[in-house]
Amino acid sequence: MSYLTPNKIVSDVIKYIDDPRHDEAIFIDVDRGIDKTSFIQNTLIDQIKKSIKRSHNKNRTVIYISLYKIEGCQQISDELGINDTGVKLKINIKQHITKHNNIVSRMFKTTRNLFNPETSQFPGLSDYFKTLKTIIIFDDINKCIISKDELFSYINNLVEQNKIKAI
């Protein structure tokens, strides 16, 4: 099997992020023995952030989540800060509160199903994620304890319902 070079992976990921037509997650598979976590943390995220700084749309947030030994989607929601009472993302939400006060207030008044983060049950979440143009990078998929069907359904709902870019 032939794998992409690290530079080609970075290039393709940045194209994926910049193209609004993509409404699916992408999966990166690399050769055994490659330190994927190091590549993600030291190269890919750095290049994504540099691309964001160069772009006209600087209002993007990159969130990295390791799925190592994660046993359920609830743990992913906890990592993202999504809970029964509202949203508390791993970003500086205070800088967005004034601009998005109406969205934030609706979020905290609403409860939602944790396994299926569908925005029809959680008004305002989709608008908030769209505004931030969130990019979530999931690492260590092969080391999580969640069934792949459950994990990919969870990620798919985040992508399709909230317009998040997922890698």
Foldseek 3Di string as FASTA:
>chain_A
DDFDDLVVVLVVLLVLLPDLVDLAEDDHDDDPPDPVVCSVVPPNVVSNQVSLVPDPNVLAAEAEAEQAAPAALLVVCVQQQNDQQFRDGPDDCVVCCVVLVVLRVQRRVFGDDSQQPACVRGPSQLVVCVRSLYEYEYPDPVRYNYPPVSVSNSVSNCRNRNVHHYD
